[in-house]
């Protein structure tokens, strides 16, 4: 294996160990939830980009494609709002841990 690949993997492992050790369990849970929301939002966006025109072509109806697009948009907006709540909770938890009052 190439030396720079090995050193990159070692650096990644050290970074993950350092990050995991500095976060409280609640913070780790919120961070993993945040990553999950981002992945699902991105997946739905990409799926919508591919699926909406395909549905429009298959049904030969721009109205149906627009309805599907609005459904995708509604779900993505809902997930964005949930992601925002997780970010707010994470910020509040970190502020509480550091003793910062807002």
PDB file of N, CA and C in Angstrom:
ATOM      1  N   UNK A   1       0.840  -1.173   0.000  1.00  0.00           N
ATOM      2  CA  UNK A   1       0.000   0.000   0.000  1.00  0.00           C
ATOM      3  C   UNK A   1       0.890   1.243   0.000  1.00  0.00           C
ATOM      4  N   UNK A   2       0.410   2.285  -0.589  1.00  0.00           N
ATOM      5  CA  UNK A   2       1.177   3.526  -0.684  1.00  0.00           C
ATOM      6  C   UNK A   2       1.323   4.156   0.704  1.00  0.00           C
ATOM      7  N   UNK A   3       2.485   4.747   0.977  1.00  0.00           N
ATOM      8  CA  UNK A   3       2.697   5.318   2.309  1.00  0.00           C
ATOM      9  C   UNK A   3       1.743   6.469   2.633  1.00  0.00           C
ATOM     10  N   UNK A   4       1.403   7.293   1.653  1.00  0.00           N
ATOM     11  CA  UNK A   4       0.516   8.418   1.948  1.00  0.00           C
ATOM     12  C   UNK A   4      -0.906   7.952   2.236  1.00  0.00           C
ATOM     13  N   UNK A   5      -1.317   6.811   1.660  1.00  0.00           N
ATOM     14  CA  UNK A   5      -2.637   6.262   1.966  1.00  0.00           C
ATOM     15  C   UNK A   5      -2.662   5.770   3.409  1.00  0.00           C
ATOM     16  N   UNK A   6      -1.604   5.069   3.805  1.00  0.00           N
ATOM     17  CA  UNK A   6      -1.517   4.580   5.184  1.00  0.00           C
ATOM     18  C   UNK A   6      -1.492   5.737   6.173  1.00  0.00           C
ATOM     19  N   UNK A   7      -0.708   6.776   5.880  1.00  0.00           N
ATOM     20  CA  UNK A   7      -0.632   7.904   6.808  1.00  0.00           C
ATOM     21  C   UNK A   7      -1.972   8.630   6.867  1.00  0.00           C
ATOM     22  N   UNK A   8      -2.684   8.676   5.742  1.00  0.00           N
ATOM     23  CA  UNK A   8      -4.006   9.299   5.735  1.00  0.00           C
ATOM     24  C   UNK A   8      -4.999   8.519   6.573  1.00  0.00           C
ATOM     25  N   UNK A   9      -4.943   7.197   6.474  1.00  0.00           N
ATOM     26  CA  UNK A   9      -5.832   6.362   7.294  1.00  0.00           C
ATOM     27  C   UNK A   9      -5.494   6.502   8.773  1.00  0.00           C
ATOM     28  N   UNK A  10      -4.211   6.547   9.073  1.00  0.00           N
ATOM     29  CA  UNK A  10      -3.794   6.699  10.470  1.00  0.00           C
ATOM     30  C   UNK A  10      -4.260   8.051  11.013  1.00  0.00           C
ATOM     31  N   UNK A  11      -4.116   9.093  10.208  1.00  0.00           N
ATOM     32  CA  UNK A  11      -4.565  10.420  10.636  1.00  0.00           C
ATOM     33  C   UNK A  11      -6.077  10.439  10.837  1.00  0.00           C
ATOM     34  N   UNK A  12      -6.810   9.772   9.961  1.00  0.00           N
ATOM     35  CA  UNK A  12      -8.265   9.693  10.096  1.00  0.00           C
ATOM     36  C   UNK A  12      -8.647   8.966  11.384  1.00  0.00           C
ATOM     37  N   UNK A  13      -7.971   7.856  11.690  1.00  0.00           N
ATOM     38  CA  UNK A  13      -8.257   7.115  12.919  1.00  0.00           C
ATOM     39  C   UNK A  13      -7.966   7.962  14.147  1.00  0.00           C
ATOM     40  N   UNK A  14      -6.845   8.670  14.137  1.00  0.00           N
ATOM     41  CA  UNK A  14      -6.515   9.535  15.267  1.00  0.00           C
ATOM     42  C   UNK A  14      -7.548  10.640  15.441  1.00  0.00           C
ATOM     43  N   UNK A  15      -7.990  11.214  14.337  1.00  0.00           N
ATOM     44  CA  UNK A  15      -8.986  12.273  14.402  1.00  0.00           C
ATOM     45  C   UNK A  15     -10.304  11.749  14.954  1.00  0.00           C
ATOM     46  N   UNK A  16     -10.721  10.566  14.515  1.00  0.00           N
ATOM     47  CA  UNK A  16     -11.966   9.989  15.013  1.00  0.00           C
ATOM     48  C   UNK A  16     -11.861   9.651  16.496  1.00  0.00           C
ATOM     49  N   UNK A  17     -10.709   9.134  16.927  1.00  0.00           N
ATOM     50  CA  UNK A  17     -10.526   8.830  18.344  1.00  0.00           C
ATOM     51  C   UNK A  17     -10.580  10.104  19.170  1.00  0.00           C
ATOM     52  N   UNK A  18      -9.948  11.155  18.663  1.00  0.00           N
ATOM     53  CA  UNK A  18      -9.929  12.417  19.392  1.00  0.00           C
ATOM     54  C   UNK A  18     -11.333  13.013  19.458  1.00  0.00           C
ATOM     55  N   UNK A  19     -12.067  12.978  18.356  1.00  0.00           N
ATOM     56  CA  UNK A  19     -13.407  13.542  18.344  1.00  0.00           C
ATOM     57  C   UNK A  19     -14.338  12.759  19.257  1.00  0.00           C
ATOM     58  N   UNK A  20     -14.256  11.444  19.216  1.00  0.00           N
ATOM     59  CA  UNK A  20     -15.142  10.629  20.038  1.00  0.00           C
ATOM     60  C   UNK A  20     -14.852  10.799  21.518  1.00  0.00           C
ATOM     61  N   UNK A  21     -13.610  11.038  21.862  1.00  0.00           N
ATOM     62  CA  UNK A  21     -13.275  11.159  23.273  1.00  0.00           C
ATOM     63  C   UNK A  21     -13.661  12.519  23.830  1.00  0.00           C
ATOM     64  N   UNK A  22     -13.765  13.547  22.992  1.00  0.00           N
ATOM     65  CA  UNK A  22     -14.063  14.880  23.498  1.00  0.00           C
ATOM     66  C   UNK A  22     -15.555  15.172  23.550  1.00  0.00           C
ATOM     67  N   UNK A  23     -16.393  14.344  22.949  1.00  0.00           N
ATOM     68  CA  UNK A  23     -17.824  14.588  22.935  1.00  0.00           C
ATOM     69  C   UNK A  23     -18.523  13.780  24.017  1.00  0.00           C
ATOM     70  N   UNK A  24     -19.510  14.396  24.634  1.00  0.00           N
ATOM     71  CA  UNK A  24     -20.361  13.697  25.590  1.00  0.00           C
ATOM     72  C   UNK A  24     -21.287  12.760  24.809  1.00  0.00           C
ATOM     73  N   UNK A  25     -21.845  11.757  25.470  1.00  0.00           N
ATOM     74  CA  UNK A  25     -22.739  10.826  24.760  1.00  0.00           C
ATOM     75  C   UNK A  25     -23.933  11.523  24.097  1.00  0.00           C
ATOM     76  N   UNK A  26     -24.489  12.535  24.772  1.00  0.00           N
ATOM     77  CA  UNK A  26     -25.611  13.264  24.164  1.00  0.00           C
ATOM     78  C   UNK A  26     -25.174  13.994  22.904  1.00  0.00           C
ATOM     79  N   UNK A  27     -23.969  14.566  22.949  1.00  0.00           N
ATOM     80  CA  UNK A  27     -23.443  15.263  21.774  1.00  0.00           C
ATOM     81  C   UNK A  27     -23.206  14.286  20.628  1.00  0.00           C
ATOM     82  N   UNK A  28     -22.669  13.121  20.939  1.00  0.00           N
ATOM     83  CA  UNK A  28     -22.429  12.118  19.898  1.00  0.00           C
ATOM     84  C   UNK A  28     -23.737  11.692  19.246  1.00  0.00           C
ATOM     85  N   UNK A  29     -24.774  11.533  20.056  1.00  0.00           N
ATOM     86  CA  UNK A  29     -26.083  11.146  19.525  1.00  0.00           C
ATOM     87  C   UNK A  29     -26.636  12.236  18.613  1.00  0.00           C
ATOM     88  N   UNK A  30     -26.542  13.494  19.058  1.00  0.00           N
ATOM     89  CA  UNK A  30     -27.052  14.595  18.243  1.00  0.00           C
ATOM     90  C   UNK A  30     -26.256  14.757  16.952  1.00  0.00           C
ATOM     91  N   UNK A  31     -24.945  14.575  17.030  1.00  0.00           N
ATOM     92  CA  UNK A  31     -24.109  14.690  15.832  1.00  0.00           C
ATOM     93  C   UNK A  31     -24.442  13.580  14.844  1.00  0.00           C
ATOM     94  N   UNK A  32     -24.650  12.364  15.348  1.00  0.00           N
ATOM     95  CA  UNK A  32     -25.011  11.274  14.433  1.00  0.00           C
ATOM     96  C   UNK A  32     -26.395  11.511  13.834  1.00  0.00           C
ATOM     97  N   UNK A  33     -27.326  12.074  14.623  1.00  0.00           N
ATOM     98  CA  UNK A  33     -28.640  12.423  14.074  1.00  0.00           C
ATOM     99  C   UNK A  33     -28.512  13.480  12.986  1.00  0.00           C
ATOM    100  N   UNK A  34     -27.635  14.448  13.221  1.00  0.00           N
ATOM    101  CA  UNK A  34     -27.426  15.514  12.244  1.00  0.00           C
ATOM    102  C   UNK A  34     -26.860  14.959  10.941  1.00  0.00           C
ATOM    103  N   UNK A  35     -25.890  14.075  11.056  1.00  0.00           N
ATOM    104  CA  UNK A  35     -25.321  13.442   9.854  1.00  0.00           C
ATOM    105  C   UNK A  35     -26.377  12.629   9.115  1.00  0.00           C
ATOM    106  N   UNK A  36     -27.207  11.925   9.878  1.00  0.00           N
ATOM    107  CA  UNK A  36     -28.274  11.133   9.267  1.00  0.00           C
ATOM    108  C   UNK A  36     -29.272  11.999   8.515  1.00  0.00           C
ATOM    109  N   UNK A  37     -29.672  13.119   9.128  1.00  0.00           N
ATOM    110  CA  UNK A  37     -30.595  14.029   8.451  1.00  0.00           C
ATOM    111  C   UNK A  37     -29.993  14.549   7.156  1.00  0.00           C
ATOM    112  N   UNK A  38     -28.723  14.928   7.205  1.00  0.00           N
ATOM    113  CA  UNK A  38     -28.076  15.460   6.004  1.00  0.00           C
ATOM    114  C   UNK A  38     -28.026  14.410   4.899  1.00  0.00           C
ATOM    115  N   UNK A  39     -27.727  13.169   5.259  1.00  0.00           N
ATOM    116  CA  UNK A  39     -27.664  12.110   4.255  1.00  0.00           C
ATOM    117  C   UNK A  39     -29.033  11.847   3.636  1.00  0.00           C
ATOM    118  N   UNK A  40     -30.069  11.820   4.471  1.00  0.00           N
ATOM    119  CA  UNK A  40     -31.416  11.558   3.961  1.00  0.00           C
ATOM    120  C   UNK A  40     -31.881  12.707   3.074  1.00  0.00           C
ATOM    121  N   UNK A  41     -31.602  13.949   3.484  1.00  0.00           N
ATOM    122  CA  UNK A  41     -31.991  15.111   2.680  1.00  0.00           C
ATOM    123  C   UNK A  41     -31.299  15.067   1.323  1.00  0.00           C
ATOM    124  N   UNK A  42     -30.003  14.779   1.323  1.00  0.00           N
ATOM    125  CA  UNK A  42     -29.276  14.696   0.055  1.00  0.00           C
ATOM    126  C   UNK A  42     -29.805  13.566  -0.819  1.00  0.00           C
ATOM    127  N   UNK A  43     -30.091  12.421  -0.212  1.00  0.00           N
ATOM    128  CA  UNK A  43     -30.619  11.288  -0.970  1.00  0.00           C
ATOM    129  C   UNK A  43     -31.976  11.617  -1.588  1.00  0.00           C
ATOM    130  N   UNK A  44     -32.850  12.256  -0.811  1.00  0.00           N
ATOM    131  CA  UNK A  44     -34.158  12.630  -1.352  1.00  0.00           C
ATOM    132  C   UNK A  44     -34.028  13.661  -2.464  1.00  0.00           C
ATOM    133  N   UNK A  45     -33.103  14.599  -2.309  1.00  0.00           N
ATOM    134  CA  UNK A  45     -32.896  15.596  -3.357  1.00  0.00           C
ATOM    135  C   UNK A  45     -32.444  14.968  -4.657  1.00  0.00           C
ATOM    136  N   UNK A  46     -31.476  14.080  -4.570  1.00  0.00           N
ATOM    137  CA  UNK A  46     -30.974  13.412  -5.779  1.00  0.00           C
ATOM    138  C   UNK A  46     -32.055  12.523  -6.386  1.00  0.00           C
ATOM    139  N   UNK A  47     -32.772  11.799  -5.548  1.00  0.00           N
ATOM    140  CA  UNK A  47     -33.850  10.939  -6.043  1.00  0.00           C
ATOM    141  C   UNK A  47     -34.921  11.765  -6.738  1.00  0.00           C
ATOM    142  N   UNK A  48     -35.254  12.908  -6.143  1.00  0.00           N
ATOM    143  CA  UNK A  48     -36.251  13.785  -6.754  1.00  0.00           C
ATOM    144  C   UNK A  48     -35.801  14.330  -8.091  1.00  0.00           C
ATOM    145  N   UNK A  49     -34.527  14.703  -8.176  1.00  0.00           N
ATOM    146  CA  UNK A  49     -34.002  15.238  -9.435  1.00  0.00           C
ATOM    147  C   UNK A  49     -34.128  14.204 -10.550  1.00  0.00           C
ATOM    148  N   UNK A  50     -33.901  12.950 -10.218  1.00  0.00           N
ATOM    149  CA  UNK A  50     -33.985  11.887 -11.229  1.00  0.00           C
ATOM    150  C   UNK A  50     -35.432  11.465 -11.471  1.00  0.00           C
ATOM    151  N   UNK A  51     -36.202  11.356 -10.409  1.00  0.00           N
ATOM    152  CA  UNK A  51     -37.532  10.761 -10.501  1.00  0.00           C
ATOM    153  C   UNK A  51     -38.589  11.702 -11.071  1.00  0.00           C
ATOM    154  N   UNK A  52     -38.528  12.988 -10.754  1.00  0.00           N
ATOM    155  CA  UNK A  52     -39.580  13.920 -11.176  1.00  0.00           C
ATOM    156  C   UNK A  52     -39.683  14.016 -12.704  1.00  0.00           C
ATOM    157  N   UNK A  53     -38.579  14.245 -13.425  1.00  0.00           N
ATOM    158  CA  UNK A  53     -38.718  14.263 -14.891  1.00  0.00           C
ATOM    159  C   UNK A  53     -39.154  12.910 -15.458  1.00  0.00           C
ATOM    160  N   UNK A  54     -38.688  11.837 -14.835  1.00  0.00           N
ATOM    161  CA  UNK A  54     -39.074  10.506 -15.294  1.00  0.00           C
ATOM    162  C   UNK A  54     -40.581  10.296 -15.154  1.00  0.00           C
ATOM    163  N   UNK A  55     -41.141  10.726 -14.039  1.00  0.00           N
ATOM    164  CA  UNK A  55     -42.593  10.604 -13.839  1.00  0.00           C
ATOM    165  C   UNK A  55     -43.341  11.471 -14.842  1.00  0.00           C
ATOM    166  N   UNK A  56     -42.815  12.673 -15.098  1.00  0.00           N
ATOM    167  CA  UNK A  56     -43.447  13.536 -16.092  1.00  0.00           C
ATOM    168  C   UNK A  56     -43.464  12.913 -17.470  1.00  0.00           C
ATOM    169  N   UNK A  57     -42.379  12.253 -17.839  1.00  0.00           N
ATOM    170  CA  UNK A  57     -42.307  11.609 -19.157  1.00  0.00           C
ATOM    171  C   UNK A  57     -43.212  10.383 -19.206  1.00  0.00           C
ATOM    172  N   UNK A  58     -43.200   9.588 -18.145  1.00  0.00           N
ATOM    173  CA  UNK A  58     -43.989   8.355 -18.148  1.00  0.00           C
ATOM    174  C   UNK A  58     -45.488   8.638 -18.163  1.00  0.00           C
ATOM    175  N   UNK A  59     -45.918   9.647 -17.421  1.00  0.00           N
ATOM    176  CA  UNK A  59     -47.356   9.936 -17.357  1.00  0.00           C
ATOM    177  C   UNK A  59     -47.793  10.944 -18.409  1.00  0.00           C
ATOM    178  N   UNK A  60     -46.831  11.583 -19.060  1.00  0.00           N
ATOM    179  CA  UNK A  60     -47.108  12.636 -20.044  1.00  0.00           C
ATOM    180  C   UNK A  60     -47.977  13.733 -19.445  1.00  0.00           C
ATOM    181  N   UNK A  61     -47.699  14.022 -18.175  1.00  0.00           N
ATOM    182  CA  UNK A  61     -48.471  15.043 -17.474  1.00  0.00           C
ATOM    183  C   UNK A  61     -47.521  15.889 -16.632  1.00  0.00           C
ATOM    184  N   UNK A  62     -47.466  17.151 -16.946  1.00  0.00           N
ATOM    185  CA  UNK A  62     -46.618  18.035 -16.146  1.00  0.00           C
ATOM    186  C   UNK A  62     -47.253  18.295 -14.785  1.00  0.00           C
ATOM    187  N   UNK A  63     -48.583  18.194 -14.714  1.00  0.00           N
ATOM    188  CA  UNK A  63     -49.267  18.408 -13.441  1.00  0.00           C
ATOM    189  C   UNK A  63     -48.874  17.344 -12.423  1.00  0.00           C
ATOM    190  N   UNK A  64     -48.862  16.102 -12.827  1.00  0.00           N
ATOM    191  CA  UNK A  64     -48.488  15.012 -11.916  1.00  0.00           C
ATOM    192  C   UNK A  64     -47.032  15.159 -11.489  1.00  0.00           C
ATOM    193  N   UNK A  65     -46.173  15.534 -12.423  1.00  0.00           N
ATOM    194  CA  UNK A  65     -44.767  15.751 -12.080  1.00  0.00           C
ATOM    195  C   UNK A  65     -44.631  16.896 -11.081  1.00  0.00           C
ATOM    196  N   UNK A  66     -45.447  17.944 -11.243  1.00  0.00           N
ATOM    197  CA  UNK A  66     -45.403  19.069 -10.309  1.00  0.00           C
ATOM    198  C   UNK A  66     -45.886  18.653  -8.924  1.00  0.00           C
ATOM    199  N   UNK A  67     -46.911  17.816  -8.872  1.00  0.00           N
ATOM    200  CA  UNK A  67     -47.408  17.329  -7.576  1.00  0.00           C
ATOM    201  C   UNK A  67     -46.336  16.492  -6.882  1.00  0.00           C
ATOM    202  N   UNK A  68     -45.672  15.629  -7.628  1.00  0.00           N
ATOM    203  CA  UNK A  68     -44.589  14.818  -7.055  1.00  0.00           C
ATOM    204  C   UNK A  68     -43.461  15.724  -6.573  1.00  0.00           C
ATOM    205  N   UNK A  69     -43.141  16.753  -7.357  1.00  0.00           N
ATOM    206  CA  UNK A  69     -42.085  17.688  -6.958  1.00  0.00           C
ATOM    207  C   UNK A  69     -42.455  18.411  -5.670  1.00  0.00           C
ATOM    208  N   UNK A  70     -43.717  18.821  -5.546  1.00  0.00           N
ATOM    209  CA  UNK A  70     -44.153  19.492  -4.317  1.00  0.00           C
ATOM    210  C   UNK A  70     -44.100  18.545  -3.122  1.00  0.00           C
ATOM    211  N   UNK A  71     -44.421  17.273  -3.336  1.00  0.00           N
ATOM    212  CA  UNK A  71     -44.315  16.301  -2.246  1.00  0.00           C
ATOM    213  C   UNK A  71     -42.866  16.142  -1.797  1.00  0.00           C
ATOM    214  N   UNK A  72     -41.952  16.027  -2.761  1.00  0.00           N
ATOM    215  CA  UNK A  72     -40.534  15.938  -2.413  1.00  0.00           C
ATOM    216  C   UNK A  72     -40.093  17.185  -1.662  1.00  0.00           C
ATOM    217  N   UNK A  73     -40.517  18.346  -2.155  1.00  0.00           N
ATOM    218  CA  UNK A  73     -40.138  19.600  -1.514  1.00  0.00           C
ATOM    219  C   UNK A  73     -40.675  19.670  -0.091  1.00  0.00           C
ATOM    220  N   UNK A  74     -41.922  19.252   0.098  1.00  0.00           N
ATOM    221  CA  UNK A  74     -42.510  19.264   1.436  1.00  0.00           C
ATOM    222  C   UNK A  74     -41.760  18.367   2.404  1.00  0.00           C
ATOM    223  N   UNK A  75     -41.391  17.187   1.954  1.00  0.00           N
ATOM    224  CA  UNK A  75     -40.644  16.263   2.815  1.00  0.00           C
ATOM    225  C   UNK A  75     -39.270  16.824   3.140  1.00  0.00           C
ATOM    226  N   UNK A  76     -38.614  17.409   2.150  1.00  0.00           N
ATOM    227  CA  UNK A  76     -37.280  17.972   2.381  1.00  0.00           C
ATOM    228  C   UNK A  76     -37.358  19.149   3.346  1.00  0.00           C
ATOM    229  N   UNK A  77     -38.375  20.004   3.202  1.00  0.00           N
ATOM    230  CA  UNK A  77     -38.531  21.137   4.121  1.00  0.00           C
ATOM    231  C   UNK A  77     -38.778  20.631   5.536  1.00  0.00           C
ATOM    232  N   UNK A  78     -39.603  19.611   5.682  1.00  0.00           N
ATOM    233  CA  UNK A  78     -39.859  19.035   7.003  1.00  0.00           C
ATOM    234  C   UNK A  78     -38.572  18.489   7.622  1.00  0.00           C
ATOM    235  N   UNK A  79     -37.781  17.781   6.831  1.00  0.00           N
ATOM    236  CA  UNK A  79     -36.514  17.252   7.338  1.00  0.00           C
ATOM    237  C   UNK A  79     -35.535  18.373   7.676  1.00  0.00           C
ATOM    238  N   UNK A  80     -35.540  19.452   6.901  1.00  0.00           N
ATOM    239  CA  UNK A  80     -34.682  20.601   7.202  1.00  0.00           C
ATOM    240  C   UNK A  80     -35.081  21.228   8.534  1.00  0.00           C
ATOM    241  N   UNK A  81     -36.387  21.298   8.803  1.00  0.00           N
ATOM    242  CA  UNK A  81     -36.844  21.846  10.083  1.00  0.00           C
ATOM    243  C   UNK A  81     -36.411  20.949  11.238  1.00  0.00           C
ATOM    244  N   UNK A  82     -36.499  19.645  11.045  1.00  0.00           N
ATOM    245  CA  UNK A  82     -36.054  18.721  12.086  1.00  0.00           C
ATOM    246  C   UNK A  82     -34.548  18.833  12.289  1.00  0.00           C
ATOM    247  N   UNK A  83     -33.808  19.003  11.194  1.00  0.00           N
ATOM    248  CA  UNK A  83     -32.358  19.179  11.290  1.00  0.00           C
ATOM    249  C   UNK A  83     -32.027  20.452  12.067  1.00  0.00           C
ATOM    250  N   UNK A  84     -32.803  21.496  11.842  1.00  0.00           N
ATOM    251  CA  UNK A  84     -32.583  22.757  12.556  1.00  0.00           C
ATOM    252  C   UNK A  84     -32.802  22.580  14.063  1.00  0.00           C
ATOM    253  N   UNK A  85     -33.803  21.775  14.433  1.00  0.00           N
ATOM    254  CA  UNK A  85     -34.045  21.510  15.857  1.00  0.00           C
ATOM    255  C   UNK A  85     -32.866  20.762  16.480  1.00  0.00           C
ATOM    256  N   UNK A  86     -32.300  19.822  15.728  1.00  0.00           N
ATOM    257  CA  UNK A  86     -31.137  19.086  16.229  1.00  0.00           C
ATOM    258  C   UNK A  86     -29.955  20.032  16.388  1.00  0.00           C
ATOM    259  N   UNK A  87     -29.752  20.927  15.424  1.00  0.00           N
ATOM    260  CA  UNK A  87     -28.659  21.899  15.521  1.00  0.00           C
ATOM    261  C   UNK A  87     -28.846  22.805  16.731  1.00  0.00           C
ATOM    262  N   UNK A  88     -30.089  23.241  16.973  1.00  0.00           N
ATOM    263  CA  UNK A  88     -30.374  24.092  18.128  1.00  0.00           C
ATOM    264  C   UNK A  88     -30.097  23.346  19.427  1.00  0.00           C
ATOM    265  N   UNK A  89     -30.519  22.088  19.500  1.00  0.00           N
ATOM    266  CA  UNK A  89     -30.272  21.287  20.700  1.00  0.00           C
ATOM    267  C   UNK A  89     -28.783  21.059  20.911  1.00  0.00           C
ATOM    268  N   UNK A  90     -28.050  20.829  19.836  1.00  0.00           N
ATOM    269  CA  UNK A  90     -26.610  20.625  19.934  1.00  0.00           C
ATOM    270  C   UNK A  90     -25.916  21.892  20.412  1.00  0.00           C
ATOM    271  N   UNK A  91     -26.316  23.038  19.887  1.00  0.00           N
ATOM    272  CA  UNK A  91     -25.739  24.313  20.318  1.00  0.00           C
ATOM    273  C   UNK A  91     -26.049  24.573  21.784  1.00  0.00           C
ATOM    274  N   UNK A  92     -27.288  24.305  22.201  1.00  0.00           N
ATOM    275  CA  UNK A  92     -27.667  24.509  23.599  1.00  0.00           C
ATOM    276  C   UNK A  92     -26.870  23.588  24.521  1.00  0.00           C
ATOM    277  N   UNK A  93     -26.669  22.360  24.099  1.00  0.00           N
ATOM    278  CA  UNK A  93     -25.908  21.405  24.907  1.00  0.00           C
ATOM    279  C   UNK A  93     -24.458  21.842  25.044  1.00  0.00           C
ATOM    280  N   UNK A  94     -23.866  22.302  23.947  1.00  0.00           N
ATOM    281  CA  UNK A  94     -22.475  22.764  23.998  1.00  0.00           C
ATOM    282  C   UNK A  94     -22.349  24.029  24.833  1.00  0.00           C
ATOM    283  N   UNK A  95     -23.314  24.944  24.696  1.00  0.00           N
ATOM    284  CA  UNK A  95     -23.281  26.165  25.502  1.00  0.00           C
ATOM    285  C   UNK A  95     -23.410  25.838  26.983  1.00  0.00           C
ATOM    286  N   UNK A  96     -24.273  24.886  27.308  1.00  0.00           N
ATOM    287  CA  UNK A  96     -24.457  24.481  28.702  1.00  0.00           C
ATOM    288  C   UNK A  96     -23.176  23.862  29.250  1.00  0.00           C
ATOM    289  N   UNK A  97     -22.526  23.042  28.422  1.00  0.00           N
ATOM    290  CA  UNK A  97     -21.287  22.395  28.854  1.00  0.00           C
ATOM    291  C   UNK A  97     -20.178  23.416  29.073  1.00  0.00           C
ATOM    292  N   UNK A  98     -20.135  24.441  28.220  1.00  0.00           N
ATOM    293  CA  UNK A  98     -19.091  25.458  28.325  1.00  0.00           C
ATOM    294  C   UNK A  98     -19.458  26.582  29.281  1.00  0.00           C
ATOM    295  N   UNK A  99     -20.693  26.587  29.772  1.00  0.00           N
ATOM    296  CA  UNK A  99     -21.118  27.608  30.717  1.00  0.00           C
ATOM    297  C   UNK A  99     -21.474  28.932  30.071  1.00  0.00           C
ATOM    298  N   UNK A 100     -21.856  28.908  28.819  1.00  0.00           N
ATOM    299  CA  UNK A 100     -22.235  30.127  28.102  1.00  0.00           C
ATOM    300  C   UNK A 100     -23.745  30.284  28.202  1.00  0.00           C
ATOM    301  N   UNK A 101     -24.187  31.480  28.588  1.00  0.00           N
ATOM    302  CA  UNK A 101     -25.619  31.742  28.681  1.00  0.00           C
ATOM    303  C   UNK A 101     -26.048  32.619  27.527  1.00  0.00           C
ATOM    304  N   UNK A 102     -27.181  32.270  26.936  1.00  0.00           N
ATOM    305  CA  UNK A 102     -27.706  33.075  25.821  1.00  0.00           C
ATOM    306  C   UNK A 102     -29.094  33.522  26.129  1.00  0.00           C
TER     307      UNK A 102
END
